[in-house]
Amino acid sequence: MLLFSCRNNQEEDHAHDAEGNHLTPEVATISKTVWTDQTELFVEFPALVKEKTSKFAAHFTTLDQHQPVREGSVTVSLIKGESGIRHTVEAPSSPGIFSPALQPKEPGMYDLVFDLKTPEYSDRIVIEDVQVYASVAEASKNISEAEEAGISFLKEQAWQIDFQTAPVTQGQVYDIVHTSGVWQAAPGTYKTLAAGANGMVNFVSENLTEGSGVKKGQLLMNLSSEGLSSNNIRAEIAQAKARFDQTKAEYERKKELYEDRIVPKSEFEKVESDFRVAEANYRALASNYGAGGKQIRAPFDGFIKSINTSNGDYVEQGANLVTIGTDRSRLLKTQLSTSHNPSKESIANVWYKDDNGNWKEVEGGSIVSVGREVEDRKPMIPVYIKVDDVVEMPEGSFTEVQIALGHAETGIVVPEAALLEDYGNYSVIVQTGGESFERRPVKIGKRNGKNAQVLSGLEVGDVVVTTGNYQVKMASMSGQTPGHGHEH
């Protein structure tokens, strides 16, 4: 039988069996919550007593997406020095809950170790200084179960909703300037394709319009000179091919004579030069030439930025036909007041809002330039930021921007998503145990859209709820403690 703690407003501390029936525990129940970089362990177990079997209710949660561990094995070990005992369970008794058991042989102070192995990863969680008592009487005398305060929110509840926690950390905080910016095409992210010959424009696709996606090497249009009496590309290619064949034959003949020392070097070099020129001219004319004429192909994956001609138009060599663009990199143009004395060196970081309204940090990008002068009608200094990311927002559209200036201050920070606001007052939901939470007022300082500085109310190492905090808040306002849902 497994003993675990369960409380509500009507009942004293008690435990349930697997069917939910009440049990009277011989010793107090202990609960521990430990976080690693990958896992949260919330474990409940009767106090360890010599020669008594204690069964554990070990709740394992992956911190990524905060989901229960559904597959894998858990080995629990009770270790003292070089010796110890262990028990392995090969699967959870229910999603996220493993139920190993141990029967200590000797009293003393031990380390309680949980080794988790899942198909995705492995983790080791150590709870130090766990006491094994000599008797039930000694355990009962030394352990008193403190009443849980705050908000009760069960693991089964958290596992069924979008839920996420994050540790409170030390971070760098900057002075933030809130402004706006406009998206522009970055140099090198678009290319204009020109006509390689005179001819009539023939679109390959009927749906060739601005904004259409294209793939590298995709045929967009042909330039046909069929029916033209002059500047006929097919005739020019034929002439270039004849000239190329003629000079090639002459080059190969002179080469043999030169190697036999029959003709002088100067004569051979002139023939070789004529051949190389004829070859380059022919290959240039013949490149991208197909059955429909001179072919215009997309140079990279992207979209049609603009079309500068119409189907059936006659164009001359060198005329701009179509411009291909890509969203892989953009320029974000924003502006700062001269009072901030902006420079490339003073701008530490930039955040912008994407098309989903989420703040994104400029990663892998850089400050391209900062203006050095202002005009009477333009008192703001322009700042250009290169964003090396796929930006779905149309060119010319506006977005909110936050710019970090100056030197950073080190302070306590939490994710912006952890903040709850009530009429200008802020609070967070702090996880004090595996299933216990409290709502704590905080005083915040600087904010950058992603993180907020906390001036008071939290300490480094506290764990706050970043997703699902409103559900926990509503649980605290209901005035009721939910019934225990563990299936141990």
Protein backbone atom coordinates (compact mmCIF):
# COMPACT_ATOMS: atom_id res chain seq x y z
CA MET A 1 0.00 0.00 0.00
CA LEU A 2 1.27 3.44 -0.87
CA LEU A 3 0.97 6.27 1.61
CA PHE A 4 0.85 9.84 0.43
CA SER A 5 -0.23 13.21 1.73
CA CYS A 6 -3.63 14.69 0.87
CA ARG A 7 -5.37 17.64 2.48
CA ASN A 8 -8.52 19.67 2.16
CA ASN A 9 -10.59 21.97 4.35
CA GLN A 10 -12.79 19.26 5.80
CA GLU A 11 -10.31 16.49 6.62
CA GLU A 12 -7.21 15.99 8.70
CA ASP A 13 -4.00 14.76 7.06
CA HIS A 14 -4.64 11.38 5.51
CA ALA A 15 -3.57 9.02 2.76
CA HIS A 16 -5.32 7.01 0.04
CA ASP A 17 -4.71 3.65 -1.51
CA ALA A 18 -4.85 3.05 -5.27
CA GLU A 19 -8.68 2.90 -5.14
CA GLY A 20 -8.94 6.15 -3.18
CA ASN A 21 -9.77 4.53 0.19
CA HIS A 22 -8.50 6.27 3.32
CA LEU A 23 -5.52 4.79 5.13
CA THR A 24 -4.06 5.63 8.51
CA PRO A 25 -0.33 6.05 8.01
CA GLU A 26 2.02 4.62 10.58
CA VAL A 27 4.53 7.42 10.00
CA ALA A 28 4.42 10.87 8.54
CA THR A 29 4.65 11.35 4.79
CA ILE A 30 7.61 13.27 3.39
CA SER A 31 7.52 15.20 0.12
CA LYS A 32 10.47 16.62 -1.82
CA THR A 33 10.70 18.66 -5.04
CA VAL A 34 13.95 18.88 -7.00
CA TRP A 35 14.65 20.52 -10.36
CA THR A 36 17.45 19.73 -12.79
CA ASP A 37 18.07 21.32 -16.18
CA GLN A 38 15.77 18.75 -17.78
CA THR A 39 13.43 17.33 -15.16
CA GLU A 40 11.25 18.19 -12.20
CA LEU A 41 10.90 15.46 -9.57
CA PHE A 42 8.10 15.68 -7.02
CA VAL A 43 8.21 12.64 -4.74
CA GLU A 44 6.07 11.60 -1.78
CA PHE A 45 6.98 8.70 0.52
CA PRO A 46 6.50 7.53 4.12
CA ALA A 47 9.43 8.33 6.37
CA LEU A 48 12.09 5.64 5.97
CA VAL A 49 12.22 3.17 8.87
CA LYS A 50 14.53 0.20 9.37
CA GLU A 51 13.02 -3.05 8.03
CA LYS A 52 9.88 -1.19 6.87
CA THR A 53 8.98 -1.03 3.17
CA SER A 54 8.38 2.50 1.91
CA LYS A 55 6.74 2.92 -1.47
CA PHE A 56 7.47 6.08 -3.43
CA ALA A 57 5.11 8.16 -5.57
CA ALA A 58 7.69 9.78 -7.83
CA HIS A 59 6.25 12.32 -10.27
CA PHE A 60 8.59 13.05 -13.18
CA THR A 61 7.93 16.05 -15.44
CA THR A 62 10.03 17.05 -18.44
CA LEU A 63 10.69 20.77 -18.16
CA ASP A 64 10.45 21.17 -21.92
CA GLN A 65 6.68 21.56 -22.51
CA HIS A 66 6.10 20.46 -18.89
CA GLN A 67 4.75 17.03 -19.79
CA PRO A 68 4.70 13.82 -17.71
CA VAL A 69 7.31 11.18 -18.48
CA ARG A 70 5.25 8.52 -20.24
CA GLU A 71 7.97 6.01 -21.13
CA GLY A 72 11.14 4.80 -19.48
CA SER A 73 12.47 3.31 -16.27
CA VAL A 74 13.39 4.66 -12.85
CA THR A 75 15.90 3.26 -10.39
CA VAL A 76 15.75 4.55 -6.82
CA SER A 77 18.84 4.00 -4.67
CA LEU A 78 19.51 4.54 -0.97
CA ILE A 79 23.26 5.03 -0.66
CA LYS A 80 25.56 5.46 2.34
CA GLY A 81 29.25 5.59 1.57
CA GLU A 82 30.09 2.77 -0.82
CA SER A 83 27.05 0.59 -0.11
CA GLY A 84 23.32 0.84 -0.57
CA ILE A 85 20.12 -0.72 -1.87
CA ARG A 86 18.18 -0.05 -5.03
CA HIS A 87 14.95 -0.89 -6.83
CA THR A 88 14.10 -0.43 -10.51
CA VAL A 89 10.67 -0.07 -12.09
CA GLU A 90 10.55 -0.49 -15.85
CA ALA A 91 7.52 1.70 -16.59
CA PRO A 92 5.33 4.31 -14.93
CA SER A 93 2.28 3.08 -13.04
CA SER A 94 0.39 5.96 -14.68
CA PRO A 95 1.66 8.77 -16.95
CA GLY A 96 4.39 10.63 -15.10
CA ILE A 97 4.21 8.57 -11.87
CA PHE A 98 6.67 5.80 -10.96
CA SER A 99 6.21 3.64 -7.86
CA PRO A 100 9.46 2.03 -6.68
CA ALA A 101 9.86 0.78 -3.09
CA LEU A 102 12.76 0.36 -0.66
CA GLN A 103 13.24 -1.50 2.63
CA PRO A 104 16.20 0.02 4.53
CA LYS A 105 18.33 -2.38 6.57
CA GLU A 106 20.13 0.04 8.90
CA PRO A 107 19.29 3.46 10.39
CA GLY A 108 21.41 6.48 9.52
CA MET A 109 21.81 9.33 7.04
CA TYR A 110 21.68 8.43 3.34
CA ASP A 111 21.53 9.90 -0.14
CA LEU A 112 18.34 9.14 -2.05
CA VAL A 113 19.15 8.88 -5.78
CA PHE A 114 16.69 8.66 -8.69
CA ASP A 115 18.07 7.54 -12.06
CA LEU A 116 15.61 8.26 -14.88
CA LYS A 117 16.04 6.73 -18.33
CA THR A 118 13.66 7.66 -21.15
CA PRO A 119 13.83 7.11 -24.92
CA GLU A 120 14.80 10.79 -25.28
CA TYR A 121 17.25 11.40 -22.43
CA SER A 122 18.61 10.28 -19.06
CA ASP A 123 18.82 12.21 -15.81
CA ARG A 124 20.07 11.69 -12.24
CA ILE A 125 18.43 13.44 -9.30
CA VAL A 126 19.99 13.29 -5.82
CA ILE A 127 18.26 14.15 -2.55
CA GLU A 128 20.93 14.42 0.12
CA ASP A 129 20.72 13.74 3.87
CA VAL A 130 17.63 11.53 3.99
CA GLN A 131 17.20 10.00 7.46
CA VAL A 132 16.41 6.32 8.04
CA TYR A 133 14.94 5.87 11.52
CA ALA A 134 15.42 2.94 13.85
CA SER A 135 11.72 2.60 14.61
CA VAL A 136 8.29 3.96 13.74
CA ALA A 137 8.15 5.64 17.14
CA GLU A 138 11.40 7.49 16.49
CA ALA A 139 10.18 8.61 13.06
CA SER A 140 6.87 9.83 14.46
CA LYS A 141 8.68 11.69 17.22
CA ASN A 142 11.06 13.51 14.85
CA ILE A 143 8.75 14.27 11.93
CA SER A 144 5.70 16.45 12.06
CA GLU A 145 3.82 17.18 8.86
CA ALA A 146 3.45 20.91 8.39
CA GLU A 147 0.22 22.12 6.90
CA GLU A 148 0.54 23.23 3.32
CA ALA A 149 -0.12 26.93 2.78
CA GLY A 150 -0.88 28.72 -0.43
CA ILE A 151 -2.40 27.29 -3.59
CA SER A 152 -2.80 23.58 -4.33
CA PHE A 153 -2.49 22.69 -8.01
CA LEU A 154 -1.99 19.01 -8.69
CA LYS A 155 0.48 17.56 -11.17
CA GLU A 156 -2.40 15.88 -13.01
CA GLN A 157 -3.98 19.32 -13.50
CA ALA A 158 -0.75 20.89 -14.74
CA TRP A 159 -0.09 18.00 -17.14
CA GLN A 160 -3.47 18.49 -18.82
CA ILE A 161 -3.00 22.16 -19.76
CA ASP A 162 -0.36 24.34 -21.36
CA PHE A 163 1.94 24.77 -18.40
CA GLN A 164 5.55 25.88 -18.04
CA THR A 165 7.86 27.06 -15.29
CA ALA A 166 11.20 28.86 -15.31
CA PRO A 167 13.83 29.56 -12.66
CA VAL A 168 14.49 33.08 -11.45
CA THR A 169 17.99 34.03 -12.58
CA GLN A 170 20.54 36.79 -12.55
CA GLY A 171 20.63 38.62 -15.85
CA GLN A 172 21.78 41.75 -17.56
CA VAL A 173 19.33 44.62 -17.68
CA TYR A 174 19.65 47.65 -19.96
CA ASP A 175 17.97 50.98 -20.36
CA ILE A 176 15.28 50.33 -22.97
CA VAL A 177 14.02 52.77 -25.59
CA HIS A 178 10.59 51.97 -27.06
CA THR A 179 10.23 52.99 -30.69
CA SER A 180 9.03 51.64 -34.04
CA GLY A 181 10.67 50.48 -37.24
CA VAL A 182 9.93 49.72 -40.87
CA TRP A 183 11.04 46.62 -42.76
CA GLN A 184 13.26 47.08 -45.82
CA ALA A 185 15.01 44.68 -48.15
CA ALA A 186 18.62 44.04 -47.16
CA PRO A 187 21.34 44.35 -49.83
CA GLY A 188 22.00 40.98 -51.39
CA THR A 189 18.52 39.64 -50.66
CA TYR A 190 17.18 40.54 -54.09
CA LYS A 191 18.47 40.37 -57.64
CA THR A 192 17.23 41.97 -60.85
CA LEU A 193 17.42 39.74 -63.92
CA ALA A 194 18.20 41.47 -67.21
CA ALA A 195 17.61 40.43 -70.81
CA GLY A 196 20.62 38.61 -72.21
CA ALA A 197 19.54 39.31 -75.77
CA ASN A 198 16.98 41.17 -77.86
CA GLY A 199 13.67 39.40 -78.23
CA MET A 200 10.02 38.96 -77.40
CA VAL A 201 9.10 38.16 -73.79
CA ASN A 202 7.16 34.91 -73.30
CA PHE A 203 6.02 34.10 -69.74
CA VAL A 204 6.29 30.40 -68.96
CA SER A 205 3.60 30.49 -66.25
CA GLU A 206 0.24 32.23 -66.39
CA ASN A 207 0.48 32.87 -62.65
CA LEU A 208 3.74 34.81 -62.72
CA THR A 209 2.75 37.72 -60.47
CA GLU A 210 4.35 39.79 -57.73
CA GLY A 211 4.61 37.78 -54.53
CA SER A 212 4.67 34.40 -56.27
CA GLY A 213 7.14 31.96 -54.77
CA VAL A 214 9.95 30.62 -56.97
CA LYS A 215 12.59 27.91 -56.64
CA LYS A 216 16.24 28.14 -57.60
CA GLY A 217 16.65 27.32 -61.31
CA GLN A 218 12.93 27.64 -62.05
CA LEU A 219 12.21 28.82 -65.62
CA LEU A 220 10.32 32.13 -65.47
CA MET A 221 10.27 33.40 -69.09
CA ASN A 222 11.86 33.03 -72.51
CA LEU A 223 13.23 35.69 -74.88
CA SER A 224 12.44 34.65 -78.42
CA SER A 225 13.86 36.36 -81.52
CA GLU A 226 11.98 34.11 -83.93
CA GLY A 227 10.73 36.12 -86.91
CA LEU A 228 13.13 39.04 -86.36
CA SER A 229 15.23 39.94 -89.40
CA SER A 230 17.92 41.62 -87.28
CA ASN A 231 19.30 40.93 -83.82
CA ASN A 232 18.11 37.37 -84.17
CA ILE A 233 19.66 35.44 -81.27
CA ARG A 234 19.35 32.09 -83.04
CA ALA A 235 21.25 33.42 -86.07
CA GLU A 236 23.87 35.00 -83.81
CA ILE A 237 24.37 31.70 -81.97
CA ALA A 238 24.73 29.87 -85.28
CA GLN A 239 27.32 32.38 -86.45
CA ALA A 240 29.16 32.20 -83.11
CA LYS A 241 29.14 28.40 -83.29
CA ALA A 242 30.60 28.44 -86.81
CA ARG A 243 33.29 30.90 -85.74
CA PHE A 244 34.03 28.78 -82.66
CA ASP A 245 34.37 25.57 -84.70
CA GLN A 246 36.61 27.31 -87.23
CA THR A 247 38.97 28.80 -84.64
CA LYS A 248 39.04 25.55 -82.69
CA ALA A 249 40.16 23.58 -85.73
CA GLU A 250 42.80 26.20 -86.53
CA TYR A 251 43.98 26.18 -82.89
CA GLU A 252 44.36 22.39 -82.77
CA ARG A 253 46.26 22.37 -86.10
CA LYS A 254 48.61 25.18 -85.06
CA LYS A 255 49.16 23.56 -81.68
CA GLU A 256 50.56 20.42 -83.28
CA LEU A 257 52.80 22.48 -85.58
CA TYR A 258 53.98 24.59 -82.64
CA GLU A 259 54.82 21.50 -80.58
CA ASP A 260 56.84 20.22 -83.59
CA ARG A 261 58.57 23.64 -83.74
CA ILE A 262 57.28 24.30 -87.27
CA VAL A 263 55.43 27.59 -86.51
CA PRO A 264 56.73 30.36 -84.26
CA LYS A 265 55.29 30.98 -80.79
CA SER A 266 53.80 34.37 -81.73
CA GLU A 267 51.73 32.86 -84.53
CA PHE A 268 50.41 30.10 -82.22
CA GLU A 269 49.53 32.58 -79.47
CA LYS A 270 47.46 34.70 -81.91
CA VAL A 271 45.53 31.62 -83.06
CA GLU A 272 44.97 30.56 -79.44
CA SER A 273 43.70 34.05 -78.53
CA ASP A 274 41.20 34.04 -81.43
CA PHE A 275 39.99 30.60 -80.33
CA ARG A 276 39.47 31.63 -76.67
CA VAL A 277 37.52 34.75 -77.70
CA ALA A 278 35.30 32.77 -80.08
CA GLU A 279 34.70 30.13 -77.40
CA ALA A 280 33.68 32.70 -74.75
CA ASN A 281 31.39 34.50 -77.22
CA TYR A 282 29.66 31.29 -78.24
CA ARG A 283 29.17 29.99 -74.71
CA ALA A 284 27.79 33.35 -73.54
CA LEU A 285 25.23 33.42 -76.36
CA ALA A 286 24.31 29.75 -76.01
CA SER A 287 23.99 29.72 -72.21
CA ASN A 288 20.39 29.36 -71.00
CA TYR A 289 19.20 29.03 -74.57
CA GLY A 290 16.50 26.46 -75.17
CA ALA A 291 13.78 25.60 -77.62
CA GLY A 292 11.78 28.67 -76.64
CA GLY A 293 14.71 31.06 -76.85
CA LYS A 294 16.91 32.69 -74.22
CA GLN A 295 15.82 31.40 -70.81
CA ILE A 296 15.39 33.53 -67.68
CA ARG A 297 15.68 31.41 -64.52
CA ALA A 298 15.40 32.19 -60.77
CA PRO A 299 18.89 32.50 -59.20
CA PHE A 300 17.74 31.33 -55.73
CA ASP A 301 14.68 30.32 -53.71
CA GLY A 302 12.50 33.36 -53.04
CA PHE A 303 9.57 35.28 -54.45
CA ILE A 304 8.79 37.67 -57.29
CA LYS A 305 9.50 41.14 -55.94
CA SER A 306 8.58 43.03 -59.11
CA ILE A 307 7.97 42.43 -62.84
CA ASN A 308 9.18 45.15 -65.18
CA THR A 309 7.80 43.83 -68.45
CA SER A 310 4.66 42.26 -69.89
CA ASN A 311 4.07 39.08 -71.78
CA GLY A 312 4.68 39.71 -75.50
CA ASP A 313 6.78 42.87 -75.05
CA TYR A 314 9.87 43.38 -77.19
CA VAL A 315 12.94 44.15 -75.05
CA GLU A 316 16.52 44.95 -75.88
CA GLN A 317 19.56 43.35 -74.38
CA GLY A 318 20.24 44.66 -70.86
CA ALA A 319 16.62 45.64 -70.10
CA ASN A 320 15.41 44.80 -66.56
CA LEU A 321 12.84 42.01 -66.65
CA VAL A 322 12.08 40.74 -63.14
CA THR A 323 13.40 41.16 -59.58
CA ILE A 324 13.65 38.14 -57.26
CA GLY A 325 13.72 38.66 -53.49
CA THR A 326 14.05 36.55 -50.35
CA ASP A 327 12.95 36.92 -46.71
CA ARG A 328 16.07 35.29 -45.32
CA SER A 329 17.48 38.62 -44.22
CA ARG A 330 15.95 42.05 -43.77
CA LEU A 331 16.91 45.56 -42.82
CA LEU A 332 14.97 47.08 -39.95
CA LYS A 333 15.07 50.86 -40.10
CA THR A 334 14.26 52.62 -36.85
CA GLN A 335 14.97 56.03 -35.35
CA LEU A 336 16.32 57.38 -32.07
CA SER A 337 16.29 60.81 -30.53
CA THR A 338 19.58 62.68 -30.38
CA SER A 339 19.11 62.89 -26.59
CA HIS A 340 20.13 59.22 -26.40
CA ASN A 341 23.41 60.00 -28.19
CA PRO A 342 23.14 56.74 -30.15
CA SER A 343 26.09 55.00 -31.75
CA LYS A 344 26.88 51.48 -32.95
CA GLU A 345 28.85 50.88 -29.77
CA SER A 346 26.10 52.09 -27.42
CA ILE A 347 23.38 49.80 -28.84
CA ALA A 348 23.61 46.52 -26.93
CA ASN A 349 20.57 44.68 -28.27
CA VAL A 350 17.38 45.04 -30.27
CA TRP A 351 13.97 43.35 -30.02
CA TYR A 352 11.12 43.53 -32.52
CA LYS A 353 7.58 42.18 -32.72
CA ASP A 354 6.99 39.52 -35.35
CA ASP A 355 3.82 38.94 -37.36
CA ASN A 356 2.34 36.95 -34.43
CA GLY A 357 2.86 39.79 -31.98
CA ASN A 358 5.68 38.04 -30.11
CA TRP A 359 8.88 39.81 -29.13
CA LYS A 360 11.96 38.42 -30.88
CA GLU A 361 15.57 39.21 -30.17
CA VAL A 362 17.80 40.13 -33.08
CA GLU A 363 19.93 36.99 -33.21
CA GLY A 364 22.85 36.72 -35.56
CA GLY A 365 22.16 40.21 -36.87
CA SER A 366 24.08 43.40 -36.42
CA ILE A 367 23.82 47.16 -36.36
CA VAL A 368 24.59 48.14 -39.94
CA SER A 369 24.83 51.88 -39.42
CA VAL A 370 23.76 54.79 -37.23
CA GLY A 371 23.14 58.23 -38.74
CA ARG A 372 25.55 61.02 -37.87
CA GLU A 373 23.42 64.09 -38.53
CA VAL A 374 19.84 65.36 -38.38
CA GLU A 375 17.82 67.79 -40.46
CA ASP A 376 15.33 70.50 -39.51
CA ARG A 377 12.34 68.43 -40.59
CA LYS A 378 13.90 65.12 -39.54
CA PRO A 379 15.20 65.55 -35.97
CA MET A 380 15.63 61.78 -35.39
CA ILE A 381 18.75 59.75 -36.09
CA PRO A 382 18.15 56.72 -38.35
CA VAL A 383 19.43 53.31 -37.23
CA TYR A 384 19.67 50.33 -39.62
CA ILE A 385 19.67 46.82 -38.15
CA LYS A 386 20.30 43.68 -40.18
CA VAL A 387 18.02 40.81 -39.12
CA ASP A 388 19.33 37.39 -40.16
CA ASP A 389 16.00 35.64 -39.78
CA VAL A 390 13.01 34.77 -41.93
CA VAL A 391 10.68 37.76 -41.61
CA GLU A 392 7.15 37.13 -42.86
CA MET A 393 6.03 40.76 -42.56
CA PRO A 394 5.74 42.62 -45.90
CA GLU A 395 8.41 45.05 -46.96
CA GLY A 396 7.43 48.55 -45.89
CA SER A 397 5.33 47.40 -42.93
CA PHE A 398 5.85 48.77 -39.43
CA THR A 399 6.70 46.92 -36.22
CA GLU A 400 7.31 47.79 -32.58
CA VAL A 401 10.98 47.96 -31.60
CA GLN A 402 12.87 48.04 -28.30
CA ILE A 403 16.51 49.06 -28.21
CA ALA A 404 18.88 48.36 -25.30
CA LEU A 405 21.32 51.22 -24.76
CA GLY A 406 24.38 51.76 -22.60
CA HIS A 407 25.97 49.42 -20.12
CA ALA A 408 24.13 46.52 -18.55
CA GLU A 409 23.26 46.23 -14.89
CA THR A 410 23.18 42.80 -13.27
CA GLY A 411 19.89 42.06 -11.54
CA ILE A 412 17.19 39.48 -10.92
CA VAL A 413 15.11 38.82 -14.02
CA VAL A 414 12.04 36.74 -14.85
CA PRO A 415 10.35 36.09 -18.20
CA GLU A 416 7.74 38.72 -19.07
CA ALA A 417 5.17 35.91 -19.39
CA ALA A 418 5.42 35.26 -15.63
CA LEU A 419 3.98 38.67 -14.71
CA LEU A 420 0.37 39.07 -13.62
CA GLU A 421 -0.91 42.65 -13.61
CA ASP A 422 -3.77 44.06 -11.56
CA TYR A 423 -4.33 47.81 -11.96
CA GLY A 424 -0.62 48.56 -12.27
CA ASN A 425 0.46 46.15 -9.53
CA TYR A 426 2.46 43.08 -10.49
CA SER A 427 2.68 39.59 -9.03
CA VAL A 428 3.98 36.16 -10.02
CA ILE A 429 3.00 32.59 -9.21
CA VAL A 430 5.88 30.91 -7.36
CA GLN A 431 6.11 27.12 -7.21
CA THR A 432 7.04 26.30 -3.62
CA GLY A 433 6.68 22.54 -4.02
CA GLY A 434 5.60 19.92 -6.50
CA GLU A 435 1.91 20.74 -6.08
CA SER A 436 2.03 23.88 -3.98
CA PHE A 437 2.16 27.45 -5.24
CA GLU A 438 1.83 30.96 -3.90
CA ARG A 439 0.99 34.26 -5.47
CA ARG A 440 3.73 36.76 -4.61
CA PRO A 441 3.69 40.51 -5.25
CA VAL A 442 6.78 41.87 -6.97
CA LYS A 443 8.20 45.25 -7.81
CA ILE A 444 9.57 45.41 -11.33
CA GLY A 445 12.11 47.70 -12.95
CA LYS A 446 13.35 47.66 -16.53
CA ARG A 447 11.61 45.54 -19.15
CA ASN A 448 12.71 44.53 -22.63
CA GLY A 449 9.72 42.61 -23.89
CA LYS A 450 11.33 39.25 -23.16
CA ASN A 451 12.47 39.63 -19.55
CA ALA A 452 11.62 41.94 -16.68
CA GLN A 453 13.86 43.12 -13.86
CA VAL A 454 12.55 42.28 -10.39
CA LEU A 455 13.53 44.79 -7.71
CA SER A 456 11.89 42.98 -4.80
CA GLY A 457 9.79 39.91 -4.07
CA LEU A 458 11.92 37.14 -5.59
CA GLU A 459 15.28 35.51 -5.09
CA VAL A 460 17.55 33.68 -7.51
CA GLY A 461 16.54 30.02 -7.58
CA ASP A 462 12.82 30.61 -7.09
CA VAL A 463 10.68 28.87 -9.70
CA VAL A 464 7.88 30.88 -11.34
CA VAL A 465 5.03 29.81 -13.60
CA THR A 466 5.32 31.33 -17.09
CA THR A 467 2.49 29.46 -18.87
CA GLY A 468 -0.67 28.49 -17.02
CA ASN A 469 -0.23 31.10 -14.29
CA TYR A 470 -3.76 32.38 -14.81
CA GLN A 471 -5.16 28.89 -14.23
CA VAL A 472 -3.24 28.67 -10.95
CA LYS A 473 -4.48 32.15 -10.04
CA MET A 474 -8.07 31.07 -10.67
CA ALA A 475 -7.52 27.98 -8.49
CA SER A 476 -6.48 30.30 -5.65
CA MET A 477 -9.58 32.45 -6.12
CA SER A 478 -11.98 29.50 -6.08
CA GLY A 479 -11.44 28.99 -2.36
CA GLN A 480 -11.46 25.22 -2.77
CA THR A 481 -8.69 22.70 -2.76
CA PRO A 482 -9.16 20.17 -5.56
CA GLY A 483 -9.49 16.55 -4.65
CA HIS A 484 -6.36 14.49 -5.00
CA GLY A 485 -6.05 12.91 -8.40
CA HIS A 486 -3.01 10.65 -8.08
CA GLU A 487 -3.32 7.11 -9.29
CA HIS A 488 -0.48 5.56 -7.33
